[in-house]
């Protein structure tokens, strides 16, 4: 039952009903679908099914994928067209054709994006939709949409894999469905691995210059190409995808025997050799009853219907790359780790490094490395108005909020005064699919060295802070000590300085432990003296 609410004494004009659609804004083609009569279907108008290219001709005569450029939405692709305006035109055309197919206005949509899309690309997708006259009900990750299309939200429980092998890219996601909560546990992929590589291998094998001929031979087993030869040519690429699957399973913290189903997405999964290899790897038949080119749009259409008419399912996508801030020494302190479910709200307390510090610079970064120089800068802002205190006394709470669309808001506040600053992260340049893959690759390659360097710098910082605090304490309260003890402390401080000069972590830590142990009686005397002075100033009435 629909209720129309109007202002008093005003006549309610008949309202035209609208339906929300699902859009797969793809790398090669974009698809629009709708959920009707209990199932999703691709919309059709007088021109046929709502499939349309997601590419644009450049001035050099080649084709560029609009989606691949969404990390730089204002960059010009061709003529006056930027990635943003090209995406706008694609969505506007899909909207117009969908209205013809449905017979009335379409104002709302759920749009899918790759799991690796960063804040810029996601925001640009929403902006393009707004410019096209579409309200984005939600952005959802493509693997999540595929899982929805297979009905994994309909009372089913378990852990599922989405294996997505397209023309140019490969993505895999591990998803969990538990008690109405649909969560992405891990995601991984390769931005230069897909059906195009198989076409190149076929062309190279037969010494052909025509990739279209190679693709036709692949799809039709013609021109001397049989199933056995095709399978042999595919094997190196399939093996690579399965290695990536293995890493994703490891990231998710599960084993293969805990996987309850495997979903195939992307046109390249039609190949028999792919399906056999996936079956053997996961020890089960993959789900193949939906068109792999349409399954993502089907899921988007279902989600659009659920958001319009209600659902008991909660979708939890994940952060593909860790988010954090810069701390002393150029070290990254991760606030939200990679593969954390979204929406998410996390906070961490920090403090000042120097006495009387009244401001703090907040540098937001994205990446998997231990040092800021190896990560990507997202935003910088200053928190001013911190009351001057002793180093370490102030409490600065930094809060990261990532919404359901993967968009990030960072705020910092001083807990005593509640002075606050905030930034919504919409970086001027974005994270490409290639950058995403490179970040993960470098994190694995340099992880051991990065950790060792981080531990050394952290130890150095603690040592320097200990020396700084002890020297300050001696300048104020050395009168509480005898000369011999003061000299022992100074000698021990010199030992720490010598260890710092050698840059050897274990030696620094050992010298710091000895200094801290030696300084303990001094700390106790300072506390006792402070209490005594306070009591002397109190009056008894």
Protein backbone atom coordinates (compact mmCIF):
# COMPACT_ATOMS: atom_id res chain seq x y z
CA UNK A 1 0.00 0.00 0.00
CA UNK A 2 1.38 3.45 -0.98
CA UNK A 3 0.51 6.59 0.98
CA UNK A 4 0.88 10.08 -0.50
CA UNK A 5 1.53 12.75 2.13
CA UNK A 6 0.76 16.35 1.14
CA UNK A 7 0.64 19.72 2.85
CA UNK A 8 -2.72 20.80 4.41
CA UNK A 9 -5.18 22.60 2.11
CA UNK A 10 -3.26 21.52 -1.01
CA UNK A 11 -4.49 19.09 -3.61
CA UNK A 12 -2.32 16.07 -4.16
CA UNK A 13 -1.39 15.69 -7.79
CA UNK A 14 -1.14 12.12 -9.08
CA UNK A 15 2.44 10.91 -8.66
CA UNK A 16 4.13 8.91 -11.39
CA UNK A 17 5.63 5.73 -9.99
CA UNK A 18 9.33 5.13 -10.67
CA UNK A 19 11.45 2.04 -10.40
CA UNK A 20 15.07 1.75 -9.38
CA UNK A 21 17.38 -0.10 -11.75
CA UNK A 22 20.72 -1.85 -11.40
CA UNK A 23 23.68 -0.77 -13.53
CA UNK A 24 26.92 -2.62 -14.11
CA UNK A 25 29.22 0.18 -15.27
CA UNK A 26 31.67 -2.23 -16.85
CA UNK A 27 35.17 -1.94 -18.24
CA UNK A 28 34.18 -3.00 -21.76
CA UNK A 29 30.39 -2.85 -21.70
CA UNK A 30 27.76 -1.41 -19.36
CA UNK A 31 24.49 -3.20 -18.61
CA UNK A 32 21.18 -2.08 -17.11
CA UNK A 33 18.81 -4.52 -15.41
CA UNK A 34 15.63 -4.49 -13.36
CA UNK A 35 14.08 -6.82 -10.81
CA UNK A 36 10.52 -7.81 -11.76
CA UNK A 37 8.25 -10.74 -11.04
CA UNK A 38 10.69 -12.27 -8.61
CA UNK A 39 13.82 -12.18 -10.79
CA UNK A 40 16.35 -9.85 -12.40
CA UNK A 41 16.48 -9.33 -16.14
CA UNK A 42 18.42 -7.15 -18.57
CA UNK A 43 16.21 -4.36 -19.85
CA UNK A 44 15.35 -4.24 -23.55
CA UNK A 45 14.09 -1.41 -25.75
CA UNK A 46 13.53 -1.14 -29.49
CA UNK A 47 17.31 -1.28 -30.01
CA UNK A 48 17.62 -4.54 -28.10
CA UNK A 49 19.14 -5.44 -24.70
CA UNK A 50 20.60 -2.53 -22.73
CA UNK A 51 24.25 -3.36 -23.37
CA UNK A 52 26.46 -0.51 -24.48
CA UNK A 53 30.21 0.06 -24.82
CA UNK A 54 32.01 1.72 -21.91
CA UNK A 55 34.80 2.97 -24.18
CA UNK A 56 35.41 6.20 -26.03
CA UNK A 57 37.37 6.96 -29.19
CA UNK A 58 40.44 9.11 -28.57
CA UNK A 59 41.98 11.63 -30.94
CA UNK A 60 44.65 9.02 -31.70
CA UNK A 61 42.07 6.59 -33.04
CA UNK A 62 42.31 4.09 -30.18
CA UNK A 63 39.74 3.16 -27.55
CA UNK A 64 39.98 4.09 -23.88
CA UNK A 65 37.90 2.54 -21.13
CA UNK A 66 35.91 5.18 -19.26
CA UNK A 67 35.95 3.03 -16.15
CA UNK A 68 39.74 2.72 -16.18
CA UNK A 69 39.97 6.54 -16.07
CA UNK A 70 37.57 7.13 -13.16
CA UNK A 71 40.52 7.57 -10.78
CA UNK A 72 41.24 10.77 -12.75
CA UNK A 73 37.68 11.92 -13.43
CA UNK A 74 38.58 15.34 -14.84
CA UNK A 75 41.36 14.09 -17.13
CA UNK A 76 40.52 14.59 -20.80
CA UNK A 77 40.16 11.30 -22.70
CA UNK A 78 39.10 12.65 -26.08
CA UNK A 79 38.18 16.13 -27.30
CA UNK A 80 36.15 17.75 -24.54
CA UNK A 81 35.32 14.44 -22.90
CA UNK A 82 36.75 13.63 -19.49
CA UNK A 83 36.20 10.32 -17.73
CA UNK A 84 33.47 12.00 -15.70
CA UNK A 85 31.57 13.40 -18.68
CA UNK A 86 31.97 10.14 -20.60
CA UNK A 87 30.56 8.16 -17.67
CA UNK A 88 27.78 10.74 -17.38
CA UNK A 89 26.84 10.23 -21.03
CA UNK A 90 26.89 6.43 -20.71
CA UNK A 91 24.64 6.58 -17.65
CA UNK A 92 22.37 9.17 -19.26
CA UNK A 93 21.93 6.92 -22.30
CA UNK A 94 21.21 3.90 -20.11
CA UNK A 95 18.70 5.98 -18.13
CA UNK A 96 16.93 7.14 -21.29
CA UNK A 97 16.78 3.67 -22.81
CA UNK A 98 15.64 2.17 -19.49
CA UNK A 99 12.76 4.66 -19.38
CA UNK A 100 11.69 3.56 -22.86
CA UNK A 101 11.90 -0.07 -21.85
CA UNK A 102 9.96 0.39 -18.60
CA UNK A 103 7.53 3.00 -19.84
CA UNK A 104 8.05 5.64 -17.15
CA UNK A 105 10.71 7.77 -15.51
CA UNK A 106 13.81 6.22 -13.92
CA UNK A 107 15.41 8.34 -11.20
CA UNK A 108 17.24 5.88 -8.94
CA UNK A 109 19.88 3.23 -9.44
CA UNK A 110 22.31 0.93 -7.71
CA UNK A 111 25.65 1.04 -9.52
CA UNK A 112 28.43 -1.51 -9.19
CA UNK A 113 32.14 -0.69 -8.91
CA UNK A 114 35.29 -2.82 -8.68
CA UNK A 115 36.38 -3.73 -5.17
CA UNK A 116 39.66 -1.88 -5.74
CA UNK A 117 37.97 1.47 -6.57
CA UNK A 118 39.24 4.13 -4.18
CA UNK A 119 37.44 7.19 -2.81
CA UNK A 120 38.04 9.32 -5.91
CA UNK A 121 36.73 6.72 -8.34
CA UNK A 122 33.68 5.97 -6.17
CA UNK A 123 32.86 9.65 -5.73
CA UNK A 124 33.35 10.26 -9.45
CA UNK A 125 30.93 7.43 -10.21
CA UNK A 126 28.32 9.03 -7.95
CA UNK A 127 28.97 12.45 -9.50
CA UNK A 128 28.56 11.07 -13.01
CA UNK A 129 25.25 9.48 -12.02
CA UNK A 130 24.02 12.76 -10.49
CA UNK A 131 24.91 14.62 -13.67
CA UNK A 132 22.97 11.98 -15.61
CA UNK A 133 19.89 12.59 -13.46
CA UNK A 134 20.21 9.45 -11.34
CA UNK A 135 20.13 9.23 -7.58
CA UNK A 136 22.60 6.54 -6.46
CA UNK A 137 20.83 4.44 -3.86
CA UNK A 138 24.10 2.66 -3.23
CA UNK A 139 27.42 1.74 -4.77
CA UNK A 140 28.16 -1.95 -4.28
CA UNK A 141 31.24 -3.95 -5.15
CA UNK A 142 30.92 -6.15 -8.22
CA UNK A 143 31.57 -9.47 -6.45
CA UNK A 144 28.93 -8.61 -3.87
CA UNK A 145 26.44 -7.98 -6.67
CA UNK A 146 27.29 -11.32 -8.26
CA UNK A 147 26.68 -13.14 -4.98
CA UNK A 148 23.34 -11.36 -4.57
CA UNK A 149 22.34 -12.44 -8.07
CA UNK A 150 22.82 -16.06 -7.07
CA UNK A 151 20.49 -15.57 -4.13
CA UNK A 152 23.11 -16.04 -1.44
CA UNK A 153 21.20 -13.54 0.70
CA UNK A 154 18.03 -15.66 0.71
CA UNK A 155 18.45 -17.50 3.97
CA UNK A 156 21.62 -19.28 2.85
CA UNK A 157 24.59 -19.42 5.16
CA UNK A 158 28.17 -20.13 4.27
CA UNK A 159 31.35 -18.88 2.66
CA UNK A 160 31.46 -18.23 -1.07
CA UNK A 161 34.06 -17.32 -3.70
CA UNK A 162 33.40 -14.98 -6.63
CA UNK A 163 35.84 -15.80 -9.46
CA UNK A 164 35.66 -12.96 -12.01
CA UNK A 165 37.71 -13.39 -15.17
CA UNK A 166 36.92 -10.76 -17.77
CA UNK A 167 38.58 -9.62 -20.95
CA UNK A 168 41.36 -7.63 -19.32
CA UNK A 169 41.20 -8.14 -15.55
CA UNK A 170 40.83 -10.83 -12.92
CA UNK A 171 39.22 -10.36 -9.51
CA UNK A 172 38.44 -12.78 -6.71
CA UNK A 173 36.47 -12.14 -3.53
CA UNK A 174 35.69 -14.29 -0.52
CA UNK A 175 32.26 -13.59 0.96
CA UNK A 176 30.51 -14.80 4.09
CA UNK A 177 26.77 -15.03 4.71
CA UNK A 178 25.85 -15.39 8.39
CA UNK A 179 22.52 -14.58 10.03
CA UNK A 180 21.49 -12.00 7.46
CA UNK A 181 24.90 -10.31 7.38
CA UNK A 182 26.63 -10.47 4.00
CA UNK A 183 30.32 -9.69 4.47
CA UNK A 184 33.30 -9.56 2.10
CA UNK A 185 36.14 -11.31 3.93
CA UNK A 186 38.91 -10.64 1.40
CA UNK A 187 39.46 -9.47 -2.14
CA UNK A 188 42.38 -9.68 -4.56
CA UNK A 189 43.08 -9.68 -8.28
CA UNK A 190 45.28 -8.79 -11.23
CA UNK A 191 44.67 -5.79 -13.48
CA UNK A 192 46.41 -7.23 -16.54
CA UNK A 193 45.09 -10.77 -16.68
CA UNK A 194 42.11 -11.94 -18.71
CA UNK A 195 40.71 -13.18 -21.98
CA UNK A 196 42.84 -10.71 -23.96
CA UNK A 197 45.97 -12.55 -22.80
CA UNK A 198 44.55 -15.84 -24.06
CA UNK A 199 43.77 -14.18 -27.43
CA UNK A 200 47.37 -12.96 -27.61
CA UNK A 201 48.68 -16.44 -26.80
CA UNK A 202 46.54 -17.96 -29.58
CA UNK A 203 47.66 -15.35 -32.10
CA UNK A 204 51.30 -15.88 -31.13
CA UNK A 205 50.99 -19.66 -31.40
CA UNK A 206 49.55 -19.49 -34.93
CA UNK A 207 51.66 -16.46 -35.91
CA UNK A 208 48.54 -14.39 -36.57
CA UNK A 209 48.50 -10.61 -36.56
CA UNK A 210 44.72 -10.44 -36.11
CA UNK A 211 43.50 -10.67 -32.50
CA UNK A 212 39.87 -10.73 -33.66
CA UNK A 213 40.66 -13.89 -35.60
CA UNK A 214 42.22 -15.34 -32.45
CA UNK A 215 39.16 -14.43 -30.39
CA UNK A 216 36.82 -15.96 -32.97
CA UNK A 217 38.88 -19.16 -33.01
CA UNK A 218 38.77 -19.28 -29.19
CA UNK A 219 35.01 -18.82 -29.00
CA UNK A 220 34.19 -21.18 -31.87
CA UNK A 221 37.09 -23.68 -31.76
CA UNK A 222 37.85 -22.99 -35.42
CA UNK A 223 40.83 -22.18 -37.65
CA UNK A 224 42.72 -25.24 -36.44
CA UNK A 225 42.23 -24.57 -32.74
CA UNK A 226 40.78 -27.52 -30.79
CA UNK A 227 39.81 -27.90 -27.14
CA UNK A 228 43.07 -29.59 -26.15
CA UNK A 229 45.28 -26.93 -27.76
CA UNK A 230 43.14 -24.11 -26.32
CA UNK A 231 43.39 -25.68 -22.86
CA UNK A 232 47.19 -25.87 -23.11
CA UNK A 233 47.43 -22.22 -24.18
CA UNK A 234 45.14 -21.14 -21.33
CA UNK A 235 46.95 -23.00 -18.56
CA UNK A 236 49.59 -20.37 -17.62
CA UNK A 237 46.89 -17.73 -17.18
CA UNK A 238 44.51 -20.01 -15.34
CA UNK A 239 47.33 -21.08 -13.02
CA UNK A 240 47.98 -17.42 -12.24
CA UNK A 241 44.32 -16.83 -11.32
CA UNK A 242 44.32 -19.83 -9.00
CA UNK A 243 47.47 -18.59 -7.24
CA UNK A 244 45.65 -15.32 -6.61
CA UNK A 245 42.65 -17.29 -5.31
CA UNK A 246 44.95 -19.09 -2.89
CA UNK A 247 46.26 -15.80 -1.53
CA UNK A 248 42.72 -14.44 -1.11
CA UNK A 249 41.72 -17.57 0.81
CA UNK A 250 44.77 -17.07 3.04
CA UNK A 251 43.86 -13.39 3.57
CA UNK A 252 40.34 -14.43 4.57
CA UNK A 253 41.75 -16.77 7.21
CA UNK A 254 39.94 -19.85 5.93
CA UNK A 255 40.74 -23.11 4.15
CA UNK A 256 39.40 -24.40 0.84
CA UNK A 257 37.24 -27.02 2.52
CA UNK A 258 35.33 -24.21 4.28
CA UNK A 259 34.11 -22.79 0.96
CA UNK A 260 30.46 -23.60 0.27
CA UNK A 261 30.17 -22.33 -3.30
CA UNK A 262 32.06 -20.76 -6.21
CA UNK A 263 30.46 -18.20 -8.54
CA UNK A 264 31.81 -17.58 -12.04
CA UNK A 265 31.65 -14.04 -13.44
CA UNK A 266 33.03 -12.62 -16.69
CA UNK A 267 32.93 -13.83 -20.27
CA UNK A 268 36.22 -15.72 -20.02
CA UNK A 269 34.69 -18.13 -17.50
CA UNK A 270 32.74 -19.66 -20.38
CA UNK A 271 35.92 -21.50 -21.39
CA UNK A 272 35.71 -25.17 -20.51
CA UNK A 273 39.34 -25.24 -19.38
CA UNK A 274 38.62 -22.45 -16.88
CA UNK A 275 35.60 -24.24 -15.46
CA UNK A 276 37.46 -27.54 -15.13
CA UNK A 277 40.43 -25.88 -13.43
CA UNK A 278 38.19 -23.99 -10.99
CA UNK A 279 36.31 -27.20 -10.20
CA UNK A 280 39.54 -29.09 -9.51
CA UNK A 281 41.03 -26.28 -7.41
CA UNK A 282 37.98 -25.84 -5.16
CA UNK A 283 36.90 -29.50 -5.24
CA UNK A 284 33.34 -28.60 -6.30
CA UNK A 285 31.31 -27.65 -9.35
CA UNK A 286 31.13 -23.85 -9.76
CA UNK A 287 27.78 -22.10 -10.11
CA UNK A 288 27.27 -21.37 -13.81
CA UNK A 289 23.51 -21.14 -14.39
CA UNK A 290 23.47 -17.33 -14.80
CA UNK A 291 24.93 -15.45 -17.77
CA UNK A 292 28.43 -14.41 -16.55
CA UNK A 293 28.20 -11.16 -18.55
CA UNK A 294 24.94 -10.17 -16.83
CA UNK A 295 25.29 -11.56 -13.33
CA UNK A 296 26.70 -8.32 -11.83
CA UNK A 297 23.86 -6.23 -13.31
CA UNK A 298 21.37 -8.82 -12.01
CA UNK A 299 22.72 -8.37 -8.49
CA UNK A 300 22.62 -4.58 -8.77
CA UNK A 301 18.98 -4.77 -9.88
CA UNK A 302 18.12 -7.00 -6.93
CA UNK A 303 19.82 -4.63 -4.51
CA UNK A 304 17.93 -1.69 -6.06
CA UNK A 305 14.68 -3.58 -5.47
CA UNK A 306 15.67 -4.42 -1.89
CA UNK A 307 16.58 -0.82 -1.08
CA UNK A 308 13.29 0.35 -2.57
CA UNK A 309 11.00 -2.22 -1.00
CA UNK A 310 13.01 -3.36 2.01
CA UNK A 311 15.22 -6.32 2.91
CA UNK A 312 16.51 -8.13 5.96
CA UNK A 313 19.94 -8.57 4.43
CA UNK A 314 22.87 -6.43 5.56
CA UNK A 315 25.68 -5.99 3.03
CA UNK A 316 29.18 -5.51 4.38
CA UNK A 317 31.79 -4.75 1.72
CA UNK A 318 35.43 -4.23 2.67
CA UNK A 319 38.17 -1.63 2.56
CA UNK A 320 40.52 -2.87 -0.20
CA UNK A 321 43.56 -0.87 1.00
CA UNK A 322 44.50 0.04 4.59
CA UNK A 323 43.87 3.60 5.84
CA UNK A 324 45.91 5.38 8.49
CA UNK A 325 47.81 8.48 9.55
CA UNK A 326 51.44 9.56 9.70
CA UNK A 327 53.14 9.47 13.10
CA UNK A 328 56.61 10.53 14.27
CA UNK A 329 59.44 9.22 12.12
CA UNK A 330 57.29 8.96 9.01
CA UNK A 331 55.66 5.78 10.31
CA UNK A 332 52.12 4.79 9.25
CA UNK A 333 49.71 4.03 12.07
CA UNK A 334 46.89 2.02 10.48
CA UNK A 335 43.43 3.02 11.71
CA UNK A 336 41.36 0.81 9.41
CA UNK A 337 43.15 -2.33 8.17
CA UNK A 338 42.69 -3.73 4.68
CA UNK A 339 39.67 -6.04 4.32
CA UNK A 340 37.79 -4.38 7.22
CA UNK A 341 34.01 -4.48 6.59
CA UNK A 342 32.20 -1.26 5.69
CA UNK A 343 30.42 0.84 6.78
CA UNK A 344 32.92 1.25 9.63
CA UNK A 345 33.72 3.77 12.35
CA UNK A 346 37.10 3.48 14.11
CA UNK A 347 39.01 5.85 16.39
CA UNK A 348 42.42 5.94 18.02
CA UNK A 349 43.96 8.31 20.57
CA UNK A 350 47.26 10.07 19.99
CA UNK A 351 49.24 12.58 22.05
CA UNK A 352 51.69 15.45 21.69
CA UNK A 353 55.43 14.90 21.34
CA UNK A 354 56.73 18.18 22.75
CA UNK A 355 55.96 20.28 25.82
CA UNK A 356 53.53 23.13 25.14
CA UNK A 357 52.52 21.78 21.72
CA UNK A 358 49.33 23.59 20.63
CA UNK A 359 48.73 22.11 17.17
CA UNK A 360 48.96 18.75 15.45
CA UNK A 361 49.20 17.99 11.72
CA UNK A 362 47.00 15.09 10.58
CA UNK A 363 48.24 13.36 7.42
CA UNK A 364 45.85 10.72 6.09
CA UNK A 365 47.47 7.97 4.01
CA UNK A 366 46.48 4.81 2.16
CA UNK A 367 48.65 1.76 1.61
CA UNK A 368 50.13 -1.47 2.92
CA UNK A 369 53.68 -0.30 3.68
CA UNK A 370 55.06 0.73 7.07
CA UNK A 371 56.33 4.17 6.00
CA UNK A 372 54.49 7.19 4.65
CA UNK A 373 56.98 7.64 1.79
CA UNK A 374 55.88 4.27 0.39
CA UNK A 375 52.14 4.96 0.72
CA UNK A 376 49.69 7.28 -0.97
CA UNK A 377 48.77 10.63 0.54
CA UNK A 378 45.02 11.25 0.74
CA UNK A 379 44.67 14.47 2.76
CA UNK A 380 46.32 16.79 5.29
CA UNK A 381 44.77 19.12 7.85
CA UNK A 382 45.78 20.80 11.12
CA UNK A 383 44.14 20.56 14.53
CA UNK A 384 44.83 23.88 16.29
CA UNK A 385 43.85 25.17 19.72
CA UNK A 386 45.31 22.30 21.76
CA UNK A 387 45.89 23.55 25.34
CA UNK A 388 49.64 23.76 26.11
CA UNK A 389 50.54 20.76 28.27
CA UNK A 390 53.47 18.52 29.04
CA UNK A 391 54.43 16.16 26.23
CA UNK A 392 52.19 13.12 26.32
CA UNK A 393 49.45 14.74 28.40
CA UNK A 394 47.08 15.81 25.61
CA UNK A 395 44.60 13.30 24.16
CA UNK A 396 43.87 13.72 20.46
CA UNK A 397 41.22 11.37 19.12
CA UNK A 398 41.42 10.68 15.38
CA UNK A 399 38.28 9.13 13.93
CA UNK A 400 37.89 7.44 10.55
CA UNK A 401 34.37 6.97 9.20
CA UNK A 402 33.85 5.01 5.97
CA UNK A 403 30.26 4.94 4.72
CA UNK A 404 28.50 2.16 2.82
CA UNK A 405 29.80 3.58 -0.48
CA UNK A 406 33.41 3.44 0.69
CA UNK A 407 33.77 7.22 1.10
CA UNK A 408 36.00 8.42 3.94
CA UNK A 409 35.59 11.19 6.52
CA UNK A 410 38.45 11.87 8.96
CA UNK A 411 38.10 14.01 12.09
CA UNK A 412 40.45 14.94 14.94
CA UNK A 413 39.42 16.35 18.32
CA UNK A 414 41.19 17.28 21.55
CA UNK A 415 39.32 15.48 24.33
CA UNK A 416 39.52 18.16 27.06
CA UNK A 417 38.41 21.18 25.02
CA UNK A 418 36.52 19.30 22.28
CA UNK A 419 38.19 21.50 19.65
CA UNK A 420 37.70 19.63 16.37
CA UNK A 421 38.67 19.60 12.70
CA UNK A 422 37.31 17.37 9.94
CA UNK A 423 38.04 16.54 6.31
CA UNK A 424 36.07 14.57 3.74
CA UNK A 425 38.59 12.75 1.62
CA UNK A 426 38.16 13.33 -2.11
CA UNK A 427 41.75 13.25 -3.36
CA UNK A 428 42.80 15.15 -6.47
CA UNK A 429 44.23 12.00 -8.00
CA UNK A 430 43.07 8.45 -7.60
CA UNK A 431 44.20 4.88 -7.16
CA UNK A 432 44.33 2.95 -10.41
CA UNK A 433 43.79 -0.76 -10.61
CA UNK A 434 47.49 -1.09 -11.43
CA UNK A 435 48.42 0.96 -8.33
CA UNK A 436 46.24 -1.30 -6.19
CA UNK A 437 47.96 -4.43 -7.45
CA UNK A 438 51.41 -2.84 -7.07
CA UNK A 439 50.66 -1.78 -3.48
CA UNK A 440 49.83 -5.33 -2.46
CA UNK A 441 52.80 -6.78 -4.37
CA UNK A 442 55.27 -4.36 -2.75
CA UNK A 443 53.78 -4.99 0.68
CA UNK A 444 54.49 -8.72 0.34
CA UNK A 445 57.97 -8.17 -1.12
CA UNK A 446 59.15 -5.56 1.40
CA UNK A 447 57.12 -6.56 4.44
CA UNK A 448 59.98 -8.12 6.43
CA UNK A 449 62.42 -5.26 5.85
CA UNK A 450 59.71 -2.65 6.50
CA UNK A 451 58.83 -4.19 9.86
CA UNK A 452 62.48 -4.28 10.94
CA UNK A 453 62.98 -0.63 9.95
CA UNK A 454 59.78 0.38 11.73
CA UNK A 455 60.81 -1.41 14.91
CA UNK A 456 64.22 0.33 14.81
CA UNK A 457 62.67 3.78 14.36
CA UNK A 458 60.11 3.14 17.11
CA UNK A 459 62.87 2.06 19.48
CA UNK A 460 64.92 5.15 18.59
CA UNK A 461 61.93 7.41 19.22
CA UNK A 462 61.26 5.84 22.63
CA UNK A 463 64.92 6.20 23.56
CA UNK A 464 65.01 9.85 22.51
CA UNK A 465 61.80 10.54 24.41
CA UNK A 466 63.17 8.83 27.53
CA UNK A 467 66.36 10.92 27.39
CA UNK A 468 64.34 14.11 26.76
CA UNK A 469 62.03 13.49 29.72
CA UNK A 470 64.85 12.48 32.06
CA UNK A 471 66.96 15.54 31.20
CA UNK A 472 63.94 17.79 31.83
CA UNK A 473 63.33 16.08 35.15
CA UNK A 474 66.97 16.52 36.18
CA UNK A 475 66.88 20.22 35.27
CA UNK A 476 63.97 20.69 37.70
CA UNK A 477 64.49 18.17 40.50
CA UNK A 478 68.15 17.13 40.58
CA UNK A 479 68.30 18.65 44.10
CA UNK A 480 66.40 15.58 45.30
CA UNK A 481 69.41 13.37 44.43
CA UNK A 482 72.97 12.96 45.61
CA UNK A 483 75.78 13.80 43.20
CA UNK A 484 76.90 10.20 42.67
CA UNK A 485 73.40 9.11 41.60
CA UNK A 486 73.11 12.06 39.21
CA UNK A 487 76.44 11.11 37.65
CA UNK A 488 75.29 7.49 37.28
CA UNK A 489 72.17 8.70 35.44
CA UNK A 490 74.25 10.91 33.15
CA UNK A 491 76.60 8.02 32.38
CA UNK A 492 73.63 5.79 31.57
CA UNK A 493 72.17 8.49 29.31
CA UNK A 494 75.51 8.57 27.50
CA UNK A 495 75.32 4.79 27.02
CA UNK A 496 71.93 5.22 25.32
CA UNK A 497 73.40 7.97 23.11
CA UNK A 498 76.23 5.62 22.05
CA UNK A 499 73.71 2.88 21.23
CA UNK A 500 71.67 5.35 19.20
CA UNK A 501 74.74 6.28 17.19
CA UNK A 502 75.25 2.60 16.31
CA UNK A 503 71.62 2.30 15.09
CA UNK A 504 71.30 -1.25 16.44
CA UNK A 505 67.85 -1.91 17.86
CA UNK A 506 68.69 -4.56 20.46
CA UNK A 507 71.57 -2.48 21.87
CA UNK A 508 69.33 0.60 22.07
CA UNK A 509 66.58 -1.36 23.81
CA UNK A 510 69.05 -2.87 26.31
CA UNK A 511 70.53 0.56 27.13
CA UNK A 512 67.01 2.04 27.52
CA UNK A 513 65.95 -0.77 29.86
CA UNK A 514 69.02 -0.14 32.04
CA UNK A 515 68.35 3.62 32.08
CA UNK A 516 64.68 3.16 32.94
CA UNK A 517 65.57 0.77 35.77
CA UNK A 518 68.19 3.15 37.15
CA UNK A 519 65.81 6.14 36.91
CA UNK A 520 62.94 4.39 38.75
CA UNK A 521 63.95 5.60 42.26
CA UNK A 522 64.24 9.16 40.89
CA UNK A 523 60.69 8.93 39.48
CA UNK A 524 59.41 7.70 42.86
CA UNK A 525 61.14 10.59 44.69
CA UNK A 526 59.60 13.12 42.27
CA UNK A 527 56.11 11.72 42.90
CA UNK A 528 56.61 11.77 46.67
CA UNK A 529 57.94 15.35 46.53
CA UNK A 530 54.98 16.50 44.40
CA UNK A 531 52.52 14.98 46.89
CA UNK A 532 54.35 16.56 49.84
CA UNK A 533 54.29 20.01 48.23
CA UNK A 534 50.59 19.69 47.48
CA UNK A 535 49.81 18.74 51.09
CA UNK A 536 51.84 21.67 52.41
CA UNK A 537 49.69 24.10 50.42
CA UNK A 538 46.43 22.68 51.76
CA UNK A 539 44.82 24.38 54.78
CA UNK A 540 42.90 22.49 57.41
CA UNK A 541 39.66 24.23 58.40
